């Protein structure tokens, strides 16, 4: 296995990590603010 393939694989894995974690973070923040809006009413 050459270095170039390894680096590409690493980048691919990191991108997957972001692809899955960012929506979760956004969803958490969104739910939190949504709950605050409901509470303030």
PDB file of N, CA and C in Angstrom:
ATOM      1  N   UNK A   1       0.855  -1.199   0.000  1.00  0.00           N
ATOM      2  CA  UNK A   1       0.000   0.000   0.000  1.00  0.00           C
ATOM      3  C   UNK A   1       0.891   1.249   0.000  1.00  0.00           C
ATOM      4  N   UNK A   2       0.678   2.124  -0.980  1.00  0.00           N
ATOM      5  CA  UNK A   2       1.517   3.314  -1.028  1.00  0.00           C
ATOM      6  C   UNK A   2       0.930   4.459  -0.217  1.00  0.00           C
ATOM      7  N   UNK A   3       1.768   5.441   0.035  1.00  0.00           N
ATOM      8  CA  UNK A   3       1.400   6.548   0.951  1.00  0.00           C
ATOM      9  C   UNK A   3       0.219   7.346   0.416  1.00  0.00           C
ATOM     10  N   UNK A   4       0.196   7.568  -0.885  1.00  0.00           N
ATOM     11  CA  UNK A   4      -0.863   8.385  -1.477  1.00  0.00           C
ATOM     12  C   UNK A   4      -2.243   7.776  -1.203  1.00  0.00           C
ATOM     13  N   UNK A   5      -2.363   6.482  -1.377  1.00  0.00           N
ATOM     14  CA  UNK A   5      -3.644   5.802  -1.109  1.00  0.00           C
ATOM     15  C   UNK A   5      -4.007   5.915   0.365  1.00  0.00           C
ATOM     16  N   UNK A   6      -3.010   5.782   1.209  1.00  0.00           N
ATOM     17  CA  UNK A   6      -3.241   5.859   2.653  1.00  0.00           C
ATOM     18  C   UNK A   6      -3.761   7.241   3.046  1.00  0.00           C
ATOM     19  N   UNK A   7      -3.137   8.273   2.484  1.00  0.00           N
ATOM     20  CA  UNK A   7      -3.549   9.659   2.778  1.00  0.00           C
ATOM     21  C   UNK A   7      -4.967   9.899   2.269  1.00  0.00           C
ATOM     22  N   UNK A   8      -5.269   9.426   1.086  1.00  0.00           N
ATOM     23  CA  UNK A   8      -6.617   9.578   0.534  1.00  0.00           C
ATOM     24  C   UNK A   8      -7.648   8.878   1.408  1.00  0.00           C
ATOM     25  N   UNK A   9      -7.289   7.710   1.886  1.00  0.00           N
ATOM     26  CA  UNK A   9      -8.176   6.960   2.771  1.00  0.00           C
ATOM     27  C   UNK A   9      -8.409   7.715   4.074  1.00  0.00           C
ATOM     28  N   UNK A  10      -7.332   8.286   4.594  1.00  0.00           N
ATOM     29  CA  UNK A  10      -7.419   9.058   5.835  1.00  0.00           C
ATOM     30  C   UNK A  10      -8.341  10.260   5.654  1.00  0.00           C
ATOM     31  N   UNK A  11      -8.165  10.977   4.566  1.00  0.00           N
ATOM     32  CA  UNK A  11      -9.016  12.140   4.265  1.00  0.00           C
ATOM     33  C   UNK A  11     -10.474  11.698   4.134  1.00  0.00           C
ATOM     34  N   UNK A  12     -10.675  10.581   3.458  1.00  0.00           N
ATOM     35  CA  UNK A  12     -12.024  10.041   3.274  1.00  0.00           C
ATOM     36  C   UNK A  12     -12.684   9.728   4.619  1.00  0.00           C
ATOM     37  N   UNK A  13     -11.930   9.104   5.517  1.00  0.00           N
ATOM     38  CA  UNK A  13     -12.440   8.755   6.855  1.00  0.00           C
ATOM     39  C   UNK A  13     -12.766  10.017   7.652  1.00  0.00           C
ATOM     40  N   UNK A  14     -11.877  11.006   7.595  1.00  0.00           N
ATOM     41  CA  UNK A  14     -12.104  12.271   8.310  1.00  0.00           C
ATOM     42  C   UNK A  14     -13.363  12.948   7.771  1.00  0.00           C
ATOM     43  N   UNK A  15     -13.521  12.942   6.451  1.00  0.00           N
ATOM     44  CA  UNK A  15     -14.721  13.531   5.848  1.00  0.00           C
ATOM     45  C   UNK A  15     -15.990  12.816   6.299  1.00  0.00           C
ATOM     46  N   UNK A  16     -15.918  11.497   6.394  1.00  0.00           N
ATOM     47  CA  UNK A  16     -17.058  10.725   6.889  1.00  0.00           C
ATOM     48  C   UNK A  16     -17.393  11.123   8.317  1.00  0.00           C
ATOM     49  N   UNK A  17     -16.351  11.267   9.141  1.00  0.00           N
ATOM     50  CA  UNK A  17     -16.538  11.670  10.532  1.00  0.00           C
ATOM     51  C   UNK A  17     -17.291  12.997  10.594  1.00  0.00           C
ATOM     52  N   UNK A  18     -16.849  13.968   9.789  1.00  0.00           N
ATOM     53  CA  UNK A  18     -17.502  15.275   9.776  1.00  0.00           C
ATOM     54  C   UNK A  18     -18.931  15.154   9.274  1.00  0.00           C
ATOM     55  N   UNK A  19     -19.095  14.343   8.252  1.00  0.00           N
ATOM     56  CA  UNK A  19     -20.411  14.176   7.644  1.00  0.00           C
ATOM     57  C   UNK A  19     -21.420  13.658   8.663  1.00  0.00           C
ATOM     58  N   UNK A  20     -20.951  12.813   9.577  1.00  0.00           N
ATOM     59  CA  UNK A  20     -21.866  12.243  10.573  1.00  0.00           C
ATOM     60  C   UNK A  20     -21.967  13.064  11.855  1.00  0.00           C
ATOM     61  N   UNK A  21     -20.881  13.730  12.256  1.00  0.00           N
ATOM     62  CA  UNK A  21     -20.914  14.439  13.543  1.00  0.00           C
ATOM     63  C   UNK A  21     -21.528  15.830  13.437  1.00  0.00           C
ATOM     64  N   UNK A  22     -21.280  16.526  12.335  1.00  0.00           N
ATOM     65  CA  UNK A  22     -21.794  17.900  12.210  1.00  0.00           C
ATOM     66  C   UNK A  22     -23.322  17.958  12.256  1.00  0.00           C
ATOM     67  N   UNK A  23     -24.043  17.111  11.498  1.00  0.00           N
ATOM     68  CA  UNK A  23     -25.511  17.140  11.601  1.00  0.00           C
ATOM     69  C   UNK A  23     -25.999  16.862  13.018  1.00  0.00           C
ATOM     70  N   UNK A  24     -25.313  15.993  13.745  1.00  0.00           N
ATOM     71  CA  UNK A  24     -25.697  15.669  15.123  1.00  0.00           C
ATOM     72  C   UNK A  24     -25.535  16.911  16.008  1.00  0.00           C
ATOM     73  N   UNK A  25     -24.416  17.608  15.856  1.00  0.00           N
ATOM     74  CA  UNK A  25     -24.157  18.830  16.638  1.00  0.00           C
ATOM     75  C   UNK A  25     -25.218  19.878  16.308  1.00  0.00           C
ATOM     76  N   UNK A  26     -25.489  20.066  15.020  1.00  0.00           N
ATOM     77  CA  UNK A  26     -26.495  21.048  14.587  1.00  0.00           C
ATOM     78  C   UNK A  26     -27.859  20.673  15.150  1.00  0.00           C
ATOM     79  N   UNK A  27     -28.190  19.409  15.090  1.00  0.00           N
ATOM     80  CA  UNK A  27     -29.484  18.937  15.582  1.00  0.00           C
ATOM     81  C   UNK A  27     -29.621  19.202  17.082  1.00  0.00           C
ATOM     82  N   UNK A  28     -28.551  18.926  17.836  1.00  0.00           N
ATOM     83  CA  UNK A  28     -28.565  19.175  19.282  1.00  0.00           C
ATOM     84  C   UNK A  28     -28.804  20.652  19.567  1.00  0.00           C
ATOM     85  N   UNK A  29     -28.056  21.515  18.900  1.00  0.00           N
ATOM     86  CA  UNK A  29     -28.200  22.956  19.110  1.00  0.00           C
ATOM     87  C   UNK A  29     -29.587  23.425  18.702  1.00  0.00           C
ATOM     88  N   UNK A  30     -30.065  22.904  17.602  1.00  0.00           N
ATOM     89  CA  UNK A  30     -31.386  23.290  17.102  1.00  0.00           C
ATOM     90  C   UNK A  30     -32.472  22.900  18.106  1.00  0.00           C
ATOM     91  N   UNK A  31     -32.371  21.680  18.626  1.00  0.00           N
ATOM     92  CA  UNK A  31     -33.370  21.209  19.594  1.00  0.00           C
ATOM     93  C   UNK A  31     -33.318  22.059  20.852  1.00  0.00           C
ATOM     94  N   UNK A  32     -32.120  22.418  21.282  1.00  0.00           N
ATOM     95  CA  UNK A  32     -31.964  23.212  22.495  1.00  0.00           C
ATOM     96  C   UNK A  32     -32.641  24.581  22.324  1.00  0.00           C
ATOM     97  N   UNK A  33     -32.378  25.250  21.212  1.00  0.00           N
ATOM     98  CA  UNK A  33     -32.974  26.568  20.989  1.00  0.00           C
ATOM     99  C   UNK A  33     -34.479  26.443  20.794  1.00  0.00           C
ATOM    100  N   UNK A  34     -34.898  25.388  20.153  1.00  0.00           N
ATOM    101  CA  UNK A  34     -36.326  25.160  19.933  1.00  0.00           C
ATOM    102  C   UNK A  34     -37.049  24.995  21.275  1.00  0.00           C
ATOM    103  N   UNK A  35     -36.428  24.242  22.182  1.00  0.00           N
ATOM    104  CA  UNK A  35     -37.004  24.046  23.523  1.00  0.00           C
ATOM    105  C   UNK A  35     -37.063  25.371  24.278  1.00  0.00           C
ATOM    106  N   UNK A  36     -36.050  26.205  24.129  1.00  0.00           N
ATOM    107  CA  UNK A  36     -36.029  27.508  24.798  1.00  0.00           C
ATOM    108  C   UNK A  36     -37.166  28.391  24.278  1.00  0.00           C
ATOM    109  N   UNK A  37     -37.401  28.327  22.986  1.00  0.00           N
ATOM    110  CA  UNK A  37     -38.487  29.117  22.385  1.00  0.00           C
ATOM    111  C   UNK A  37     -39.831  28.658  22.961  1.00  0.00           C
ATOM    112  N   UNK A  38     -40.017  27.353  23.054  1.00  0.00           N
ATOM    113  CA  UNK A  38     -41.261  26.796  23.609  1.00  0.00           C
ATOM    114  C   UNK A  38     -41.408  27.208  25.074  1.00  0.00           C
ATOM    115  N   UNK A  39     -40.329  27.144  25.828  1.00  0.00           N
ATOM    116  CA  UNK A  39     -40.353  27.507  27.255  1.00  0.00           C
ATOM    117  C   UNK A  39     -40.712  28.975  27.464  1.00  0.00           C
ATOM    118  N   UNK A  40     -40.239  29.832  26.573  1.00  0.00           N
ATOM    119  CA  UNK A  40     -40.455  31.271  26.755  1.00  0.00           C
ATOM    120  C   UNK A  40     -41.890  31.685  26.438  1.00  0.00           C
ATOM    121  N   UNK A  41     -42.594  30.844  25.714  1.00  0.00           N
ATOM    122  CA  UNK A  41     -43.982  31.181  25.352  1.00  0.00           C
ATOM    123  C   UNK A  41     -44.913  30.992  26.543  1.00  0.00           C
TER     124      UNK A  41
END
